[in-house]
């Protein structure tokens, strides 16, 4: 499956199939939350949250790809990500784009 954040793929005519998306909500356990609280005092990267967001993007992307494959797509163009905070320590990640078939 080809994923691009442009609305075209050079060398291909694209037949648009429709919107596809995948989402997940993830959180860290209380131990990581406490550690992040201490880290915010001195500054620096909150590695537990970085890992959480990487995992969430990977899962949301995989779900978007499964939806595109179910439509018979060859690729997804205009891939975008959006995030929102659900509660302190939990975030939703949505991956979305346009499923296309090569024409």
N, C-alpha and C. Protein backbone atom coordinates (compact mmCIF):
# COMPACT_ATOMS: atom_id res chain seq x y z
N UNK A 1 0.85 -1.18 0.00
CA UNK A 1 0.00 0.00 0.00
C UNK A 1 0.89 1.24 0.00
N UNK A 2 0.67 2.11 -0.96
CA UNK A 2 1.41 3.37 -1.03
C UNK A 2 0.65 4.42 -0.24
N UNK A 3 1.36 5.14 0.62
CA UNK A 3 0.79 6.24 1.39
C UNK A 3 1.57 7.50 1.07
N UNK A 4 0.86 8.57 0.68
CA UNK A 4 1.52 9.85 0.40
C UNK A 4 0.68 10.98 0.99
N UNK A 5 1.35 12.09 1.27
CA UNK A 5 0.60 13.24 1.77
C UNK A 5 0.36 14.28 0.68
N UNK A 6 0.51 13.86 -0.57
CA UNK A 6 0.16 14.70 -1.71
C UNK A 6 -1.15 14.19 -2.31
N UNK A 7 -1.72 14.97 -3.22
CA UNK A 7 -2.98 14.53 -3.84
C UNK A 7 -2.74 13.81 -5.17
N UNK A 8 -1.51 13.43 -5.43
CA UNK A 8 -1.17 12.71 -6.66
C UNK A 8 -0.01 11.75 -6.38
N UNK A 9 0.17 10.81 -7.29
CA UNK A 9 1.35 9.94 -7.29
C UNK A 9 1.89 10.01 -8.70
N UNK A 10 3.08 10.52 -8.86
CA UNK A 10 3.67 10.74 -10.18
C UNK A 10 3.64 9.45 -11.01
N UNK A 11 3.14 9.59 -12.23
CA UNK A 11 3.12 8.46 -13.15
C UNK A 11 1.85 7.63 -13.11
N UNK A 12 0.92 7.97 -12.23
CA UNK A 12 -0.32 7.19 -12.10
C UNK A 12 -1.54 8.08 -12.30
N UNK A 13 -2.53 7.54 -12.99
CA UNK A 13 -3.86 8.14 -13.01
C UNK A 13 -4.61 7.52 -11.84
N UNK A 14 -5.26 8.34 -11.05
CA UNK A 14 -5.90 7.86 -9.83
C UNK A 14 -7.42 7.92 -9.93
N UNK A 15 -8.05 6.82 -9.57
CA UNK A 15 -9.50 6.75 -9.46
C UNK A 15 -9.82 6.82 -7.97
N UNK A 16 -10.49 7.86 -7.55
CA UNK A 16 -10.77 8.05 -6.13
C UNK A 16 -11.89 7.14 -5.67
N UNK A 17 -11.65 6.44 -4.57
CA UNK A 17 -12.64 5.51 -4.01
C UNK A 17 -13.39 6.10 -2.82
N UNK A 18 -12.75 6.99 -2.08
CA UNK A 18 -13.42 7.61 -0.96
C UNK A 18 -12.52 7.79 0.25
N UNK A 19 -13.08 8.42 1.26
CA UNK A 19 -12.38 8.71 2.50
C UNK A 19 -12.13 7.43 3.29
N UNK A 20 -10.94 7.30 3.83
CA UNK A 20 -10.62 6.21 4.76
C UNK A 20 -9.99 6.82 6.00
N UNK A 21 -10.21 6.16 7.13
CA UNK A 21 -9.65 6.66 8.38
C UNK A 21 -9.41 5.52 9.33
N UNK A 22 -8.56 5.79 10.29
CA UNK A 22 -8.29 4.85 11.37
C UNK A 22 -8.03 5.67 12.61
N UNK A 23 -8.46 5.18 13.75
CA UNK A 23 -8.23 5.93 14.98
C UNK A 23 -7.94 5.00 16.14
N UNK A 24 -7.35 5.58 17.18
CA UNK A 24 -7.10 4.87 18.42
C UNK A 24 -7.01 5.89 19.55
N UNK A 25 -7.33 5.45 20.73
CA UNK A 25 -7.16 6.27 21.94
C UNK A 25 -6.19 5.50 22.82
N UNK A 26 -5.12 6.18 23.25
CA UNK A 26 -4.11 5.51 24.06
C UNK A 26 -3.81 6.33 25.31
N UNK A 27 -3.37 5.62 26.34
CA UNK A 27 -2.97 6.29 27.58
C UNK A 27 -1.75 5.58 28.15
N UNK A 28 -1.10 6.25 29.05
CA UNK A 28 0.04 5.67 29.77
C UNK A 28 -0.43 5.32 31.18
N UNK A 29 0.21 4.32 31.77
CA UNK A 29 -0.15 3.93 33.13
C UNK A 29 0.31 4.98 34.12
N UNK A 30 -0.23 4.93 35.32
CA UNK A 30 -0.01 5.97 36.34
C UNK A 30 1.47 6.19 36.64
N UNK A 31 2.28 5.15 36.61
CA UNK A 31 3.71 5.30 36.85
C UNK A 31 4.37 6.23 35.85
N UNK A 32 4.00 6.09 34.58
CA UNK A 32 4.55 6.97 33.54
C UNK A 32 4.03 8.39 33.73
N UNK A 33 2.77 8.53 34.14
CA UNK A 33 2.19 9.85 34.39
C UNK A 33 2.95 10.58 35.50
N UNK A 34 3.26 9.87 36.57
CA UNK A 34 3.99 10.48 37.68
C UNK A 34 5.38 10.90 37.22
N UNK A 35 6.05 10.01 36.48
CA UNK A 35 7.37 10.33 35.95
C UNK A 35 7.34 11.54 35.03
N UNK A 36 6.30 11.65 34.21
CA UNK A 36 6.16 12.80 33.30
C UNK A 36 5.95 14.08 34.09
N UNK A 37 5.22 13.98 35.21
CA UNK A 37 5.02 15.15 36.05
C UNK A 37 6.33 15.67 36.61
N UNK A 38 7.19 14.77 37.07
CA UNK A 38 8.50 15.18 37.58
C UNK A 38 9.36 15.76 36.46
N UNK A 39 9.31 15.14 35.30
CA UNK A 39 10.12 15.59 34.16
C UNK A 39 9.69 16.99 33.73
N UNK A 40 8.41 17.32 33.84
CA UNK A 40 7.93 18.63 33.42
C UNK A 40 8.50 19.74 34.30
N UNK A 41 8.96 19.40 35.49
CA UNK A 41 9.56 20.40 36.39
C UNK A 41 10.92 20.83 35.85
N UNK A 42 11.72 19.88 35.38
CA UNK A 42 13.08 20.19 34.92
C UNK A 42 13.16 20.38 33.41
N UNK A 43 12.14 19.99 32.69
CA UNK A 43 12.13 20.14 31.24
C UNK A 43 12.72 18.93 30.53
N UNK A 44 12.52 18.88 29.24
CA UNK A 44 13.05 17.80 28.43
C UNK A 44 11.94 16.96 27.82
N UNK A 45 12.35 16.01 27.02
CA UNK A 45 11.39 15.14 26.33
C UNK A 45 10.71 14.18 27.30
N UNK A 46 9.42 14.01 27.13
CA UNK A 46 8.65 13.03 27.90
C UNK A 46 8.60 11.76 27.07
N UNK A 47 9.64 10.94 27.21
CA UNK A 47 9.82 9.79 26.32
C UNK A 47 8.65 8.81 26.36
N UNK A 48 8.05 8.62 27.54
CA UNK A 48 6.89 7.73 27.63
C UNK A 48 5.75 8.20 26.75
N UNK A 49 5.54 9.51 26.71
CA UNK A 49 4.47 10.06 25.88
C UNK A 49 4.85 10.05 24.40
N UNK A 50 6.13 10.26 24.10
CA UNK A 50 6.59 10.17 22.72
C UNK A 50 6.33 8.76 22.19
N UNK A 51 6.68 7.76 22.98
CA UNK A 51 6.43 6.36 22.59
C UNK A 51 4.95 6.09 22.43
N UNK A 52 4.14 6.63 23.36
CA UNK A 52 2.70 6.43 23.29
C UNK A 52 2.14 7.00 21.98
N UNK A 53 2.59 8.20 21.61
CA UNK A 53 2.08 8.83 20.39
C UNK A 53 2.58 8.11 19.14
N UNK A 54 3.82 7.61 19.16
CA UNK A 54 4.32 6.82 18.02
C UNK A 54 3.49 5.55 17.85
N UNK A 55 3.20 4.87 18.96
CA UNK A 55 2.37 3.67 18.91
C UNK A 55 0.97 4.00 18.39
N UNK A 56 0.41 5.12 18.85
CA UNK A 56 -0.93 5.51 18.43
C UNK A 56 -0.97 5.84 16.94
N UNK A 57 0.03 6.56 16.44
CA UNK A 57 0.08 6.86 14.99
C UNK A 57 0.20 5.58 14.18
N UNK A 58 1.05 4.66 14.64
CA UNK A 58 1.24 3.38 13.93
C UNK A 58 -0.08 2.60 13.88
N UNK A 59 -0.79 2.53 15.00
CA UNK A 59 -2.07 1.79 15.05
C UNK A 59 -3.13 2.47 14.19
N UNK A 60 -3.25 3.79 14.28
CA UNK A 60 -4.24 4.51 13.48
C UNK A 60 -3.95 4.33 12.00
N UNK A 61 -2.68 4.37 11.61
CA UNK A 61 -2.31 4.17 10.21
C UNK A 61 -2.66 2.76 9.74
N UNK A 62 -2.37 1.77 10.57
CA UNK A 62 -2.69 0.37 10.21
C UNK A 62 -4.19 0.20 10.01
N UNK A 63 -4.99 0.83 10.86
CA UNK A 63 -6.45 0.73 10.72
C UNK A 63 -6.93 1.43 9.46
N UNK A 64 -6.32 2.57 9.11
CA UNK A 64 -6.68 3.26 7.88
C UNK A 64 -6.34 2.39 6.67
N UNK A 65 -5.17 1.76 6.69
CA UNK A 65 -4.75 0.89 5.59
C UNK A 65 -5.72 -0.28 5.44
N UNK A 66 -6.12 -0.89 6.54
CA UNK A 66 -7.08 -2.01 6.47
C UNK A 66 -8.39 -1.57 5.83
N UNK A 67 -8.85 -0.37 6.18
CA UNK A 67 -10.09 0.13 5.57
C UNK A 67 -9.90 0.34 4.08
N UNK A 68 -8.75 0.90 3.67
CA UNK A 68 -8.47 1.13 2.25
C UNK A 68 -8.38 -0.19 1.49
N UNK A 69 -7.70 -1.18 2.08
CA UNK A 69 -7.60 -2.49 1.44
C UNK A 69 -8.98 -3.11 1.27
N UNK A 70 -9.86 -2.90 2.22
CA UNK A 70 -11.22 -3.42 2.12
C UNK A 70 -12.01 -2.80 0.98
N UNK A 71 -11.60 -1.61 0.55
CA UNK A 71 -12.24 -0.94 -0.59
C UNK A 71 -11.56 -1.31 -1.90
N UNK A 72 -10.48 -2.08 -1.83
CA UNK A 72 -9.74 -2.44 -3.04
C UNK A 72 -8.75 -1.39 -3.49
N UNK A 73 -8.32 -0.53 -2.58
CA UNK A 73 -7.41 0.57 -2.94
C UNK A 73 -5.99 0.07 -3.17
N UNK A 74 -5.29 0.81 -4.04
CA UNK A 74 -3.87 0.59 -4.27
C UNK A 74 -3.01 1.54 -3.44
N UNK A 75 -3.61 2.66 -3.04
CA UNK A 75 -2.86 3.69 -2.32
C UNK A 75 -3.83 4.57 -1.54
N UNK A 76 -3.26 5.37 -0.66
CA UNK A 76 -4.02 6.41 0.04
C UNK A 76 -3.25 7.71 -0.17
N UNK A 77 -3.93 8.71 -0.71
CA UNK A 77 -3.34 10.03 -0.93
C UNK A 77 -3.88 11.02 0.08
N UNK A 78 -3.20 12.15 0.19
CA UNK A 78 -3.59 13.21 1.15
C UNK A 78 -3.66 12.69 2.58
N UNK A 79 -2.72 11.83 2.96
CA UNK A 79 -2.73 11.27 4.31
C UNK A 79 -2.44 12.38 5.32
N UNK A 80 -3.26 12.43 6.34
CA UNK A 80 -3.13 13.43 7.41
C UNK A 80 -3.33 12.75 8.75
N UNK A 81 -2.83 13.39 9.79
CA UNK A 81 -3.02 12.95 11.17
C UNK A 81 -3.59 14.10 11.97
N UNK A 82 -4.44 13.76 12.91
CA UNK A 82 -4.93 14.75 13.85
C UNK A 82 -4.96 14.10 15.23
N UNK A 83 -4.77 14.89 16.25
CA UNK A 83 -4.78 14.38 17.62
C UNK A 83 -5.65 15.25 18.48
N UNK A 84 -6.14 14.66 19.54
CA UNK A 84 -6.88 15.42 20.55
C UNK A 84 -6.68 14.77 21.90
N UNK A 85 -6.70 15.59 22.92
CA UNK A 85 -6.58 15.10 24.28
C UNK A 85 -7.94 14.64 24.76
N UNK A 86 -8.02 13.42 25.25
CA UNK A 86 -9.28 12.88 25.74
C UNK A 86 -9.41 13.17 27.24
N UNK A 87 -8.38 12.82 27.98
CA UNK A 87 -8.26 13.12 29.41
C UNK A 87 -6.77 13.36 29.66
N UNK A 88 -6.40 13.89 30.81
CA UNK A 88 -4.96 14.01 31.08
C UNK A 88 -4.27 12.64 30.95
N UNK A 89 -3.27 12.57 30.12
CA UNK A 89 -2.54 11.32 29.94
C UNK A 89 -3.10 10.40 28.87
N UNK A 90 -4.18 10.81 28.18
CA UNK A 90 -4.76 9.98 27.13
C UNK A 90 -5.02 10.85 25.90
N UNK A 91 -4.71 10.30 24.73
CA UNK A 91 -4.88 11.04 23.48
C UNK A 91 -5.49 10.16 22.41
N UNK A 92 -6.27 10.80 21.55
CA UNK A 92 -6.82 10.13 20.37
C UNK A 92 -6.00 10.56 19.17
N UNK A 93 -5.67 9.62 18.32
CA UNK A 93 -4.98 9.90 17.06
C UNK A 93 -5.85 9.36 15.94
N UNK A 94 -6.06 10.20 14.93
CA UNK A 94 -6.82 9.80 13.75
C UNK A 94 -5.92 9.98 12.53
N UNK A 95 -5.83 8.93 11.72
CA UNK A 95 -5.15 9.00 10.43
C UNK A 95 -6.24 8.94 9.37
N UNK A 96 -6.16 9.82 8.36
CA UNK A 96 -7.19 9.81 7.33
C UNK A 96 -6.60 10.24 6.00
N UNK A 97 -7.28 9.86 4.93
CA UNK A 97 -6.86 10.21 3.59
C UNK A 97 -7.89 9.73 2.59
N UNK A 98 -7.51 9.80 1.31
CA UNK A 98 -8.40 9.39 0.23
C UNK A 98 -7.86 8.10 -0.38
N UNK A 99 -8.67 7.05 -0.35
CA UNK A 99 -8.30 5.77 -0.96
C UNK A 99 -8.42 5.92 -2.48
N UNK A 100 -7.42 5.40 -3.19
CA UNK A 100 -7.43 5.49 -4.65
C UNK A 100 -7.02 4.16 -5.27
N UNK A 101 -7.46 3.97 -6.49
CA UNK A 101 -7.09 2.81 -7.29
C UNK A 101 -6.35 3.36 -8.51
N UNK A 102 -5.34 2.64 -8.97
CA UNK A 102 -4.60 3.08 -10.15
C UNK A 102 -5.45 2.83 -11.38
N UNK A 103 -5.56 3.88 -12.21
CA UNK A 103 -6.39 3.79 -13.41
C UNK A 103 -5.60 3.68 -14.67
